[in-house]
Amino acid sequence: MIDYYLVLEVTKDASADEIKSHYRRLAMQWHPDRNKGSKQAEEHFKAISEAYSVLSDPASKAAYDESLRMGTDYRAGQQQGRPEESGAYGPFGFGFGFADGFGSSSGQERAGAFEWASGFSKERASNMFMDEMYNLAIELTMQNIPWRDIAQELIKRGCPESTAREIAKKIETQRKAMVRNRAKPYFIRSALSGALGLGMFAMFGGFGLLGFIGLIMSLNGGYNLIRAIYFLTTGVAPKGGVM
């Protein structure tokens, strides 16, 4: 029986964030570029990628959990019609640094978690890793972390330096473009609101309820207008994504 949870060193009730975090850590540890010439590391990398491809998707995770409950072979039905991705994992032996919480598993159980014929190619595993690097870069750039720092973080996780720099620059450029596109209508709304409020304030001389409403609208519109100009000129993502 395939144990994808054991492969990713997570428990069966692990959250999506925990599954993602473990995948990123293990993929970095076993990435072929960090283990030059090691066939064992390459196979481990593919195993980790396959496990993540299943457990990171709610539908496939539910199907996999059901197969565990029923004692059926999840991969038997999944591999049909995919002969171009045929391949095999070799046995991984014992003692590959499994996370705390699996201490009760015997070495043979741990080794068995990796002993299956896989349809996951090295190329597919590498593409998944790069997709995850893009996702990580997006998470970091939305926190307004400079692209150079993002590139260094990707490099630490096993991404080639030239690729890491390219991803980080591209993601920062896209983030700034997205923020500026969203700030344009925000700028127009703020300007109109401020102008309308200022007009009401002037019309009623600042007296009465409508004059007071006009004052509030003009102040609020002015504040939002300043914020809109800031986002337009800097491309900085607003906190919480709210503009």
C-alpha atoms as a PDB file:
ATOM      1  CA  MET A   1       0.000   0.000   0.000  1.00  0.00           C
ATOM      2  CA  ILE A   2       1.338   3.421  -0.962  1.00  0.00           C
ATOM      3  CA  ASP A   3       1.691   5.790   1.975  1.00  0.00           C
ATOM      4  CA  TYR A   4       1.875   9.305   0.568  1.00  0.00           C
ATOM      5  CA  TYR A   5       1.580  10.730   4.079  1.00  0.00           C
ATOM      6  CA  LEU A   6       4.693   8.874   5.152  1.00  0.00           C
ATOM      7  CA  VAL A   7       6.505  10.044   2.031  1.00  0.00           C
ATOM      8  CA  LEU A   8       5.790  13.704   2.908  1.00  0.00           C
ATOM      9  CA  GLU A   9       6.348  13.075   6.617  1.00  0.00           C
ATOM     10  CA  VAL A  10       2.918  14.379   7.621  1.00  0.00           C
ATOM     11  CA  THR A  11       0.023  12.928   9.559  1.00  0.00           C
ATOM     12  CA  LYS A  12      -3.286  12.084   7.896  1.00  0.00           C
ATOM     13  CA  ASP A  13      -4.961  15.125   9.469  1.00  0.00           C
ATOM     14  CA  ALA A  14      -2.282  17.542   8.232  1.00  0.00           C
ATOM     15  CA  SER A  15      -3.536  20.853   6.889  1.00  0.00           C
ATOM     16  CA  ALA A  16      -2.967  22.031   3.317  1.00  0.00           C
ATOM     17  CA  ASP A  17      -0.339  24.481   4.575  1.00  0.00           C
ATOM     18  CA  GLU A  18       1.493  21.725   6.442  1.00  0.00           C
ATOM     19  CA  ILE A  19       1.491  19.498   3.353  1.00  0.00           C
ATOM     20  CA  LYS A  20       2.844  22.363   1.242  1.00  0.00           C
ATOM     21  CA  SER A  21       5.505  23.241   3.802  1.00  0.00           C
ATOM     22  CA  HIS A  22       6.732  19.641   4.060  1.00  0.00           C
ATOM     23  CA  TYR A  23       6.822  19.261   0.292  1.00  0.00           C
ATOM     24  CA  ARG A  24       8.900  22.404  -0.121  1.00  0.00           C
ATOM     25  CA  ARG A  25      11.361  21.333   2.565  1.00  0.00           C
ATOM     26  CA  LEU A  26      11.758  17.791   1.253  1.00  0.00           C
ATOM     27  CA  ALA A  27      11.890  18.815  -2.401  1.00  0.00           C
ATOM     28  CA  MET A  28      14.709  21.205  -1.566  1.00  0.00           C
ATOM     29  CA  GLN A  29      16.529  18.498   0.397  1.00  0.00           C
ATOM     30  CA  TRP A  30      16.277  15.858  -2.327  1.00  0.00           C
ATOM     31  CA  HIS A  31      16.383  17.997  -5.470  1.00  0.00           C
ATOM     32  CA  PRO A  32      18.746  16.381  -8.035  1.00  0.00           C
ATOM     33  CA  ASP A  33      20.661  19.644  -8.447  1.00  0.00           C
ATOM     34  CA  ARG A  34      21.595  19.457  -4.769  1.00  0.00           C
ATOM     35  CA  ASN A  35      22.510  15.776  -5.017  1.00  0.00           C
ATOM     36  CA  LYS A  36      24.518  15.553  -8.217  1.00  0.00           C
ATOM     37  CA  GLY A  37      24.864  12.025  -9.579  1.00  0.00           C
ATOM     38  CA  SER A  38      22.650  10.438  -6.927  1.00  0.00           C
ATOM     39  CA  LYS A  39      20.033   8.184  -8.485  1.00  0.00           C
ATOM     40  CA  GLN A  40      18.635   7.578  -5.020  1.00  0.00           C
ATOM     41  CA  ALA A  41      18.019  11.306  -4.481  1.00  0.00           C
ATOM     42  CA  GLU A  42      16.375  11.588  -7.910  1.00  0.00           C
ATOM     43  CA  GLU A  43      13.960   8.744  -7.126  1.00  0.00           C
ATOM     44  CA  HIS A  44      13.215  10.215  -3.717  1.00  0.00           C
ATOM     45  CA  PHE A  45      12.557  13.587  -5.346  1.00  0.00           C
ATOM     46  CA  LYS A  46      10.070  11.988  -7.750  1.00  0.00           C
ATOM     47  CA  ALA A  47       8.361  10.128  -4.904  1.00  0.00           C
ATOM     48  CA  ILE A  48       7.943  13.348  -2.929  1.00  0.00           C
ATOM     49  CA  SER A  49       6.541  15.105  -6.003  1.00  0.00           C
ATOM     50  CA  GLU A  50       4.034  12.344  -6.698  1.00  0.00           C
ATOM     51  CA  ALA A  51       2.847  12.334  -3.098  1.00  0.00           C
ATOM     52  CA  TYR A  52       2.396  16.107  -3.164  1.00  0.00           C
ATOM     53  CA  SER A  53       0.532  16.008  -6.475  1.00  0.00           C
ATOM     54  CA  VAL A  54      -2.071  13.790  -4.807  1.00  0.00           C
ATOM     55  CA  LEU A  55      -2.276  15.282  -1.311  1.00  0.00           C
ATOM     56  CA  SER A  56      -2.269  18.927  -2.440  1.00  0.00           C
ATOM     57  CA  ASP A  57      -5.435  18.466  -4.524  1.00  0.00           C
ATOM     58  CA  PRO A  58      -8.624  18.093  -2.426  1.00  0.00           C
ATOM     59  CA  ALA A  59     -10.337  15.761  -4.910  1.00  0.00           C
ATOM     60  CA  SER A  60      -7.395  13.400  -5.404  1.00  0.00           C
ATOM     61  CA  LYS A  61      -6.648  13.495  -1.662  1.00  0.00           C
ATOM     62  CA  ALA A  62     -10.230  12.457  -0.889  1.00  0.00           C
ATOM     63  CA  ALA A  63      -9.982   9.620  -3.426  1.00  0.00           C
ATOM     64  CA  TYR A  64      -6.657   8.528  -1.967  1.00  0.00           C
ATOM     65  CA  ASP A  65      -8.005   8.611   1.605  1.00  0.00           C
ATOM     66  CA  GLU A  66     -10.943   6.480   0.468  1.00  0.00           C
ATOM     67  CA  SER A  67      -8.564   3.969  -1.100  1.00  0.00           C
ATOM     68  CA  LEU A  68      -6.694   3.760   2.200  1.00  0.00           C
ATOM     69  CA  ARG A  69      -9.957   3.187   4.034  1.00  0.00           C
ATOM     70  CA  MET A  70     -11.052   0.499   1.582  1.00  0.00           C
ATOM     71  CA  GLY A  71      -7.625  -1.104   1.338  1.00  0.00           C
ATOM     72  CA  THR A  72      -7.517  -0.694  -2.457  1.00  0.00           C
ATOM     73  CA  ASP A  73      -4.618   0.358  -4.690  1.00  0.00           C
ATOM     74  CA  TYR A  74      -5.075   4.049  -5.473  1.00  0.00           C
ATOM     75  CA  ARG A  75      -2.429   4.117  -8.184  1.00  0.00           C
ATOM     76  CA  ALA A  76      -3.821   1.164 -10.116  1.00  0.00           C
ATOM     77  CA  GLY A  77      -6.634   3.247 -11.578  1.00  0.00           C
ATOM     78  CA  GLN A  78      -4.580   6.412 -11.870  1.00  0.00           C
ATOM     79  CA  GLN A  79      -1.859   4.997 -14.098  1.00  0.00           C
ATOM     80  CA  GLN A  80      -4.094   3.666 -16.865  1.00  0.00           C
ATOM     81  CA  GLY A  81      -3.624   5.577 -20.110  1.00  0.00           C
ATOM     82  CA  ARG A  82      -0.276   7.106 -19.113  1.00  0.00           C
ATOM     83  CA  PRO A  83       2.356   4.745 -20.592  1.00  0.00           C
ATOM     84  CA  GLU A  84       4.552   7.678 -21.662  1.00  0.00           C
ATOM     85  CA  GLU A  85       5.318   8.360 -18.003  1.00  0.00           C
ATOM     86  CA  SER A  86       6.344   4.871 -17.054  1.00  0.00           C
ATOM     87  CA  GLY A  87       9.240   4.460 -14.666  1.00  0.00           C
ATOM     88  CA  ALA A  88      10.119   2.856 -11.409  1.00  0.00           C
ATOM     89  CA  TYR A  89      11.186   3.757  -7.918  1.00  0.00           C
ATOM     90  CA  GLY A  90      13.801   1.614  -6.341  1.00  0.00           C
ATOM     91  CA  PRO A  91      13.676   0.729  -2.650  1.00  0.00           C
ATOM     92  CA  PHE A  92      15.066   3.474  -0.481  1.00  0.00           C
ATOM     93  CA  GLY A  93      16.305   1.462   2.438  1.00  0.00           C
ATOM     94  CA  PHE A  94      16.192   2.860   5.948  1.00  0.00           C
ATOM     95  CA  GLY A  95      16.884   6.021   7.903  1.00  0.00           C
ATOM     96  CA  PHE A  96      16.025   8.883   5.530  1.00  0.00           C
ATOM     97  CA  GLY A  97      15.395  11.410   8.301  1.00  0.00           C
ATOM     98  CA  PHE A  98      11.641  11.049   8.706  1.00  0.00           C
ATOM     99  CA  ALA A  99       9.917  13.676  10.802  1.00  0.00           C
ATOM    100  CA  ASP A 100       9.043  13.262  14.448  1.00  0.00           C
ATOM    101  CA  GLY A 101       5.796  11.400  14.861  1.00  0.00           C
ATOM    102  CA  PHE A 102       6.862   8.440  12.723  1.00  0.00           C
ATOM    103  CA  GLY A 103       9.291   7.084  15.266  1.00  0.00           C
ATOM    104  CA  SER A 104       7.106   4.063  15.849  1.00  0.00           C
ATOM    105  CA  SER A 105       7.359   2.963  12.207  1.00  0.00           C
ATOM    106  CA  SER A 106       9.825   0.214  11.537  1.00  0.00           C
ATOM    107  CA  GLY A 107      12.573   0.682   8.951  1.00  0.00           C
ATOM    108  CA  GLN A 108      10.829  -1.825   6.726  1.00  0.00           C
ATOM    109  CA  GLU A 109       7.572   0.183   6.834  1.00  0.00           C
ATOM    110  CA  ARG A 110       9.417   3.346   5.931  1.00  0.00           C
ATOM    111  CA  ALA A 111      11.205   1.700   3.049  1.00  0.00           C
ATOM    112  CA  GLY A 112       7.929   0.241   1.827  1.00  0.00           C
ATOM    113  CA  ALA A 113       6.459   3.713   1.523  1.00  0.00           C
ATOM    114  CA  PHE A 114       8.680   4.260  -1.521  1.00  0.00           C
ATOM    115  CA  GLU A 115       8.561   0.845  -3.130  1.00  0.00           C
ATOM    116  CA  TRP A 116       6.124   1.215  -6.014  1.00  0.00           C
ATOM    117  CA  ALA A 117       6.229   1.556  -9.769  1.00  0.00           C
ATOM    118  CA  SER A 118       5.735   5.226 -10.550  1.00  0.00           C
ATOM    119  CA  GLY A 119       4.436   7.107 -13.566  1.00  0.00           C
ATOM    120  CA  PHE A 120       6.150  10.264 -12.328  1.00  0.00           C
ATOM    121  CA  SER A 121       9.062  11.260 -14.557  1.00  0.00           C
ATOM    122  CA  LYS A 122      11.976  13.410 -13.454  1.00  0.00           C
ATOM    123  CA  GLU A 123      10.787  16.120 -15.862  1.00  0.00           C
ATOM    124  CA  ARG A 124       7.300  16.149 -14.389  1.00  0.00           C
ATOM    125  CA  ALA A 125       8.699  16.308 -10.864  1.00  0.00           C
ATOM    126  CA  SER A 126      11.018  19.165 -11.870  1.00  0.00           C
ATOM    127  CA  ASN A 127       8.135  21.074 -13.481  1.00  0.00           C
ATOM    128  CA  MET A 128       6.079  20.679 -10.311  1.00  0.00           C
ATOM    129  CA  PHE A 129       8.995  21.968  -8.265  1.00  0.00           C
ATOM    130  CA  MET A 130       9.320  25.029 -10.507  1.00  0.00           C
ATOM    131  CA  ASP A 131       5.572  25.668 -10.259  1.00  0.00           C
ATOM    132  CA  GLU A 132       5.918  25.595  -6.495  1.00  0.00           C
ATOM    133  CA  MET A 133       8.835  28.028  -6.705  1.00  0.00           C
ATOM    134  CA  TYR A 134       6.569  30.384  -8.681  1.00  0.00           C
ATOM    135  CA  ASN A 135       3.876  30.008  -6.012  1.00  0.00           C
ATOM    136  CA  LEU A 136       6.388  30.770  -3.267  1.00  0.00           C
ATOM    137  CA  ALA A 137       7.648  33.816  -5.192  1.00  0.00           C
ATOM    138  CA  ILE A 138       4.059  35.075  -5.490  1.00  0.00           C
ATOM    139  CA  GLU A 139       3.501  34.658  -1.741  1.00  0.00           C
ATOM    140  CA  LEU A 140       6.684  36.590  -0.978  1.00  0.00           C
ATOM    141  CA  THR A 141       6.184  39.402  -3.493  1.00  0.00           C
ATOM    142  CA  MET A 142       2.669  40.036  -2.147  1.00  0.00           C
ATOM    143  CA  GLN A 143       4.434  40.754   1.149  1.00  0.00           C
ATOM    144  CA  ASN A 144       6.455  43.375  -0.781  1.00  0.00           C
ATOM    145  CA  ILE A 145       9.713  41.510  -0.286  1.00  0.00           C
ATOM    146  CA  PRO A 146      12.311  42.794  -2.815  1.00  0.00           C
ATOM    147  CA  TRP A 147      12.985  40.533  -5.775  1.00  0.00           C
ATOM    148  CA  ARG A 148      16.643  40.047  -4.806  1.00  0.00           C
ATOM    149  CA  ASP A 149      15.607  38.633  -1.425  1.00  0.00           C
ATOM    150  CA  ILE A 150      13.031  36.425  -3.121  1.00  0.00           C
ATOM    151  CA  ALA A 151      15.673  35.143  -5.527  1.00  0.00           C
ATOM    152  CA  GLN A 152      17.960  34.266  -2.609  1.00  0.00           C
ATOM    153  CA  GLU A 153      15.136  32.375  -0.912  1.00  0.00           C
ATOM    154  CA  LEU A 154      14.462  30.388  -4.083  1.00  0.00           C
ATOM    155  CA  ILE A 155      18.155  29.611  -4.470  1.00  0.00           C
ATOM    156  CA  LYS A 156      18.251  28.304  -0.890  1.00  0.00           C
ATOM    157  CA  ARG A 157      15.414  25.956  -1.814  1.00  0.00           C
ATOM    158  CA  GLY A 158      17.296  24.450  -4.725  1.00  0.00           C
ATOM    159  CA  CYS A 159      16.264  26.688  -7.593  1.00  0.00           C
ATOM    160  CA  PRO A 160      19.141  27.435 -10.025  1.00  0.00           C
ATOM    161  CA  GLU A 161      20.445  30.981  -9.519  1.00  0.00           C
ATOM    162  CA  SER A 162      19.690  32.270 -13.025  1.00  0.00           C
ATOM    163  CA  THR A 163      16.183  30.805 -12.929  1.00  0.00           C
ATOM    164  CA  ALA A 164      15.560  32.132  -9.415  1.00  0.00           C
ATOM    165  CA  ARG A 165      16.521  35.652 -10.444  1.00  0.00           C
ATOM    166  CA  GLU A 166      14.355  35.438 -13.562  1.00  0.00           C
ATOM    167  CA  ILE A 167      11.334  34.217 -11.586  1.00  0.00           C
ATOM    168  CA  ALA A 168      11.774  36.833  -8.850  1.00  0.00           C
ATOM    169  CA  LYS A 169      12.092  39.725 -11.316  1.00  0.00           C
ATOM    170  CA  LYS A 170       9.148  38.524 -13.391  1.00  0.00           C
ATOM    171  CA  ILE A 171       6.892  38.047 -10.361  1.00  0.00           C
ATOM    172  CA  GLU A 172       7.736  41.490  -8.960  1.00  0.00           C
ATOM    173  CA  THR A 173       7.005  43.109 -12.329  1.00  0.00           C
ATOM    174  CA  GLN A 174       3.666  41.282 -12.524  1.00  0.00           C
ATOM    175  CA  ARG A 175       2.769  42.273  -8.964  1.00  0.00           C
ATOM    176  CA  LYS A 176       3.446  45.950  -9.654  1.00  0.00           C
ATOM    177  CA  ALA A 177       1.421  45.820 -12.875  1.00  0.00           C
ATOM    178  CA  MET A 178      -1.492  44.139 -11.085  1.00  0.00           C
ATOM    179  CA  VAL A 179      -1.460  46.659  -8.212  1.00  0.00           C
ATOM    180  CA  ARG A 180      -1.343  49.612 -10.609  1.00  0.00           C
ATOM    181  CA  ASN A 181      -4.202  48.229 -12.717  1.00  0.00           C
ATOM    182  CA  ARG A 182      -6.327  47.869  -9.601  1.00  0.00           C
ATOM    183  CA  ALA A 183      -5.304  51.318  -8.323  1.00  0.00           C
ATOM    184  CA  LYS A 184      -6.522  53.134 -11.444  1.00  0.00           C
ATOM    185  CA  PRO A 185     -10.282  52.720 -10.780  1.00  0.00           C
ATOM    186  CA  TYR A 186      -9.580  53.280  -7.064  1.00  0.00           C
ATOM    187  CA  PHE A 187      -7.929  56.604  -8.007  1.00  0.00           C
ATOM    188  CA  ILE A 188     -10.922  57.647 -10.123  1.00  0.00           C
ATOM    189  CA  ARG A 189     -13.459  56.706  -7.426  1.00  0.00           C
ATOM    190  CA  SER A 190     -11.483  58.548  -4.768  1.00  0.00           C
ATOM    191  CA  ALA A 191     -11.116  61.662  -6.917  1.00  0.00           C
ATOM    192  CA  LEU A 192     -14.841  61.735  -7.750  1.00  0.00           C
ATOM    193  CA  SER A 193     -15.839  61.115  -4.152  1.00  0.00           C
ATOM    194  CA  GLY A 194     -13.521  63.830  -2.881  1.00  0.00           C
ATOM    195  CA  ALA A 195     -14.673  66.323  -5.515  1.00  0.00           C
ATOM    196  CA  LEU A 196     -18.344  65.624  -4.794  1.00  0.00           C
ATOM    197  CA  GLY A 197     -17.789  66.013  -1.071  1.00  0.00           C
ATOM    198  CA  LEU A 198     -15.885  69.239  -1.560  1.00  0.00           C
ATOM    199  CA  GLY A 199     -18.679  70.550  -3.766  1.00  0.00           C
ATOM    200  CA  MET A 200     -21.319  69.709  -1.150  1.00  0.00           C
ATOM    201  CA  PHE A 201     -19.232  71.332   1.574  1.00  0.00           C
ATOM    202  CA  ALA A 202     -18.828  74.523  -0.477  1.00  0.00           C
ATOM    203  CA  MET A 203     -22.497  74.584  -1.519  1.00  0.00           C
ATOM    204  CA  PHE A 204     -23.786  74.453   2.044  1.00  0.00           C
ATOM    205  CA  GLY A 205     -20.963  76.483   3.522  1.00  0.00           C
ATOM    206  CA  GLY A 206     -20.009  73.649   5.826  1.00  0.00           C
ATOM    207  CA  PHE A 207     -23.271  74.017   7.734  1.00  0.00           C
ATOM    208  CA  GLY A 208     -26.034  71.521   8.374  1.00  0.00           C
ATOM    209  CA  LEU A 209     -26.088  67.800   7.844  1.00  0.00           C
ATOM    210  CA  LEU A 210     -25.308  67.940   4.117  1.00  0.00           C
ATOM    211  CA  GLY A 211     -22.419  70.313   4.739  1.00  0.00           C
ATOM    212  CA  PHE A 212     -21.014  67.928   7.359  1.00  0.00           C
ATOM    213  CA  ILE A 213     -21.458  64.942   5.008  1.00  0.00           C
ATOM    214  CA  GLY A 214     -19.661  66.896   2.321  1.00  0.00           C
ATOM    215  CA  LEU A 215     -16.766  67.572   4.682  1.00  0.00           C
ATOM    216  CA  ILE A 216     -16.467  63.877   5.590  1.00  0.00           C
ATOM    217  CA  MET A 217     -16.669  62.819   1.920  1.00  0.00           C
ATOM    218  CA  SER A 218     -13.993  65.316   0.884  1.00  0.00           C
ATOM    219  CA  LEU A 219     -11.625  64.246   3.673  1.00  0.00           C
ATOM    220  CA  ASN A 220     -12.187  60.556   3.002  1.00  0.00           C
ATOM    221  CA  GLY A 221     -11.829  61.055  -0.748  1.00  0.00           C
ATOM    222  CA  GLY A 222      -8.609  63.008  -0.239  1.00  0.00           C
ATOM    223  CA  TYR A 223      -7.146  60.289   1.981  1.00  0.00           C
ATOM    224  CA  ASN A 224      -8.036  57.544  -0.487  1.00  0.00           C
ATOM    225  CA  LEU A 225      -6.702  59.645  -3.356  1.00  0.00           C
ATOM    226  CA  ILE A 226      -3.318  59.873  -1.643  1.00  0.00           C
ATOM    227  CA  ARG A 227      -3.335  56.104  -1.122  1.00  0.00           C
ATOM    228  CA  ALA A 228      -4.245  55.512  -4.766  1.00  0.00           C
ATOM    229  CA  ILE A 229      -1.387  57.754  -5.933  1.00  0.00           C
ATOM    230  CA  TYR A 230       0.981  55.827  -3.651  1.00  0.00           C
ATOM    231  CA  PHE A 231      -0.059  52.464  -5.109  1.00  0.00           C
ATOM    232  CA  LEU A 232       0.109  53.811  -8.655  1.00  0.00           C
ATOM    233  CA  THR A 233       3.617  55.187  -8.263  1.00  0.00           C
ATOM    234  CA  THR A 234       5.168  52.374  -6.212  1.00  0.00           C
ATOM    235  CA  GLY A 235       3.267  49.213  -7.164  1.00  0.00           C
ATOM    236  CA  VAL A 236       3.402  48.173  -3.499  1.00  0.00           C
ATOM    237  CA  ALA A 237       0.756  45.595  -2.621  1.00  0.00           C
ATOM    238  CA  PRO A 238      -1.691  46.804   0.061  1.00  0.00           C
ATOM    239  CA  LYS A 239      -1.754  44.911   3.327  1.00  0.00           C
ATOM    240  CA  GLY A 240      -4.318  42.177   3.290  1.00  0.00           C
ATOM    241  CA  GLY A 241      -4.791  42.745  -0.422  1.00  0.00           C
ATOM    242  CA  VAL A 242      -7.416  45.423   0.338  1.00  0.00           C
ATOM    243  CA  MET A 243      -7.273  48.659  -1.621  1.00  0.00           C
END
